[in-house]
């Protein structure tokens, strides 16, 4: 399956997590439904919010990581998120 075209001409691999919510309040609470932290974010890529929150995110572009790599992900500060 070809990637999804981005606004800058690159292709996004839709099998990888492209955005992670780095809002500290969302990291401190477990999701109500363990299958719910994943959703579709801007630009059509997979997004991950550790708290499974429906809104109020601070998205950080990962460049594309696997679900297994989330265990090793170094969480950036809130200031590093998308505006």
C-alpha atoms as a PDB file:
ATOM      1  CA  UNK A   1       0.000   0.000   0.000  1.00  0.00           C
ATOM      2  CA  UNK A   2       1.557   3.329  -0.979  1.00  0.00           C
ATOM      3  CA  UNK A   3       1.929   6.023   1.610  1.00  0.00           C
ATOM      4  CA  UNK A   4      -0.358   8.982   2.101  1.00  0.00           C
ATOM      5  CA  UNK A   5       1.011  12.184   0.500  1.00  0.00           C
ATOM      6  CA  UNK A   6       1.913  14.937   2.977  1.00  0.00           C
ATOM      7  CA  UNK A   7       1.748  18.661   2.324  1.00  0.00           C
ATOM      8  CA  UNK A   8       5.550  18.833   1.969  1.00  0.00           C
ATOM      9  CA  UNK A   9       5.673  16.122  -0.725  1.00  0.00           C
ATOM     10  CA  UNK A  10       6.839  13.239   1.502  1.00  0.00           C
ATOM     11  CA  UNK A  11       4.798  10.048   1.907  1.00  0.00           C
ATOM     12  CA  UNK A  12       3.407   8.931   5.276  1.00  0.00           C
ATOM     13  CA  UNK A  13       3.519   5.211   6.106  1.00  0.00           C
ATOM     14  CA  UNK A  14       0.028   4.660   7.484  1.00  0.00           C
ATOM     15  CA  UNK A  15       1.082   1.454   9.283  1.00  0.00           C
ATOM     16  CA  UNK A  16       3.215   3.457  11.735  1.00  0.00           C
ATOM     17  CA  UNK A  17       2.216   5.801  14.560  1.00  0.00           C
ATOM     18  CA  UNK A  18       2.813   9.310  13.248  1.00  0.00           C
ATOM     19  CA  UNK A  19       1.661  11.408  16.227  1.00  0.00           C
ATOM     20  CA  UNK A  20       1.831  10.910  19.992  1.00  0.00           C
ATOM     21  CA  UNK A  21      -0.041  13.032  22.512  1.00  0.00           C
ATOM     22  CA  UNK A  22       2.539  14.324  24.974  1.00  0.00           C
ATOM     23  CA  UNK A  23       0.178  16.236  27.294  1.00  0.00           C
ATOM     24  CA  UNK A  24       1.334  15.274  30.798  1.00  0.00           C
ATOM     25  CA  UNK A  25      -2.229  14.957  32.132  1.00  0.00           C
ATOM     26  CA  UNK A  26      -2.980  12.353  29.429  1.00  0.00           C
ATOM     27  CA  UNK A  27       0.134  10.353  30.321  1.00  0.00           C
ATOM     28  CA  UNK A  28      -0.813  10.094  33.993  1.00  0.00           C
ATOM     29  CA  UNK A  29      -4.103   8.252  33.589  1.00  0.00           C
ATOM     30  CA  UNK A  30      -4.718   4.829  32.070  1.00  0.00           C
ATOM     31  CA  UNK A  31      -7.237   4.626  29.217  1.00  0.00           C
ATOM     32  CA  UNK A  32     -10.782   3.608  30.114  1.00  0.00           C
ATOM     33  CA  UNK A  33     -10.681   1.064  27.285  1.00  0.00           C
ATOM     34  CA  UNK A  34      -7.164  -0.343  26.601  1.00  0.00           C
ATOM     35  CA  UNK A  35      -8.009  -0.635  22.910  1.00  0.00           C
ATOM     36  CA  UNK A  36      -8.969   3.048  22.628  1.00  0.00           C
ATOM     37  CA  UNK A  37      -5.685   5.007  22.764  1.00  0.00           C
ATOM     38  CA  UNK A  38      -5.327   4.917  18.971  1.00  0.00           C
ATOM     39  CA  UNK A  39      -7.192   7.257  16.680  1.00  0.00           C
ATOM     40  CA  UNK A  40      -6.773   9.134  13.418  1.00  0.00           C
ATOM     41  CA  UNK A  41      -5.073  12.513  13.698  1.00  0.00           C
ATOM     42  CA  UNK A  42      -4.243  15.318  11.350  1.00  0.00           C
ATOM     43  CA  UNK A  43      -2.984  14.390   7.907  1.00  0.00           C
ATOM     44  CA  UNK A  44      -4.603  10.918   8.153  1.00  0.00           C
ATOM     45  CA  UNK A  45      -1.858   9.219  10.184  1.00  0.00           C
ATOM     46  CA  UNK A  46      -2.228   6.970  13.218  1.00  0.00           C
ATOM     47  CA  UNK A  47      -2.120   8.863  16.495  1.00  0.00           C
ATOM     48  CA  UNK A  48      -1.652   7.594  20.044  1.00  0.00           C
ATOM     49  CA  UNK A  49      -2.876   9.152  23.289  1.00  0.00           C
ATOM     50  CA  UNK A  50      -1.773   7.119  26.338  1.00  0.00           C
ATOM     51  CA  UNK A  51      -4.866   8.212  28.278  1.00  0.00           C
ATOM     52  CA  UNK A  52      -7.277   7.480  25.434  1.00  0.00           C
ATOM     53  CA  UNK A  53      -8.680  11.006  25.713  1.00  0.00           C
ATOM     54  CA  UNK A  54     -10.975  12.191  22.896  1.00  0.00           C
ATOM     55  CA  UNK A  55      -9.627  15.776  22.816  1.00  0.00           C
ATOM     56  CA  UNK A  56      -7.235  18.273  24.413  1.00  0.00           C
ATOM     57  CA  UNK A  57      -4.130  16.706  22.841  1.00  0.00           C
ATOM     58  CA  UNK A  58      -0.622  18.127  22.369  1.00  0.00           C
ATOM     59  CA  UNK A  59       0.566  16.233  19.275  1.00  0.00           C
ATOM     60  CA  UNK A  60       4.235  15.408  18.717  1.00  0.00           C
ATOM     61  CA  UNK A  61       5.302  14.158  15.268  1.00  0.00           C
ATOM     62  CA  UNK A  62       7.194  10.880  15.704  1.00  0.00           C
ATOM     63  CA  UNK A  63       8.389  10.454  12.141  1.00  0.00           C
ATOM     64  CA  UNK A  64       6.748   7.012  12.239  1.00  0.00           C
ATOM     65  CA  UNK A  65       7.219   4.410  15.004  1.00  0.00           C
ATOM     66  CA  UNK A  66       5.763   0.964  15.683  1.00  0.00           C
ATOM     67  CA  UNK A  67       3.480   0.056  18.568  1.00  0.00           C
ATOM     68  CA  UNK A  68       6.300  -2.029  20.081  1.00  0.00           C
ATOM     69  CA  UNK A  69       8.587   1.023  20.028  1.00  0.00           C
ATOM     70  CA  UNK A  70       6.186   2.924  22.318  1.00  0.00           C
ATOM     71  CA  UNK A  71       7.708   1.078  25.295  1.00  0.00           C
ATOM     72  CA  UNK A  72      11.087   2.692  24.505  1.00  0.00           C
ATOM     73  CA  UNK A  73       9.744   6.106  23.475  1.00  0.00           C
ATOM     74  CA  UNK A  74      11.410   9.049  25.244  1.00  0.00           C
ATOM     75  CA  UNK A  75       8.558  11.442  25.996  1.00  0.00           C
ATOM     76  CA  UNK A  76       9.350  15.027  24.992  1.00  0.00           C
ATOM     77  CA  UNK A  77       8.215  18.068  26.965  1.00  0.00           C
ATOM     78  CA  UNK A  78       4.861  19.721  26.216  1.00  0.00           C
ATOM     79  CA  UNK A  79       6.705  22.607  24.540  1.00  0.00           C
ATOM     80  CA  UNK A  80       7.941  20.291  21.774  1.00  0.00           C
ATOM     81  CA  UNK A  81       4.398  19.540  20.574  1.00  0.00           C
ATOM     82  CA  UNK A  82       2.683  20.933  17.506  1.00  0.00           C
ATOM     83  CA  UNK A  83       1.298  24.437  18.136  1.00  0.00           C
END
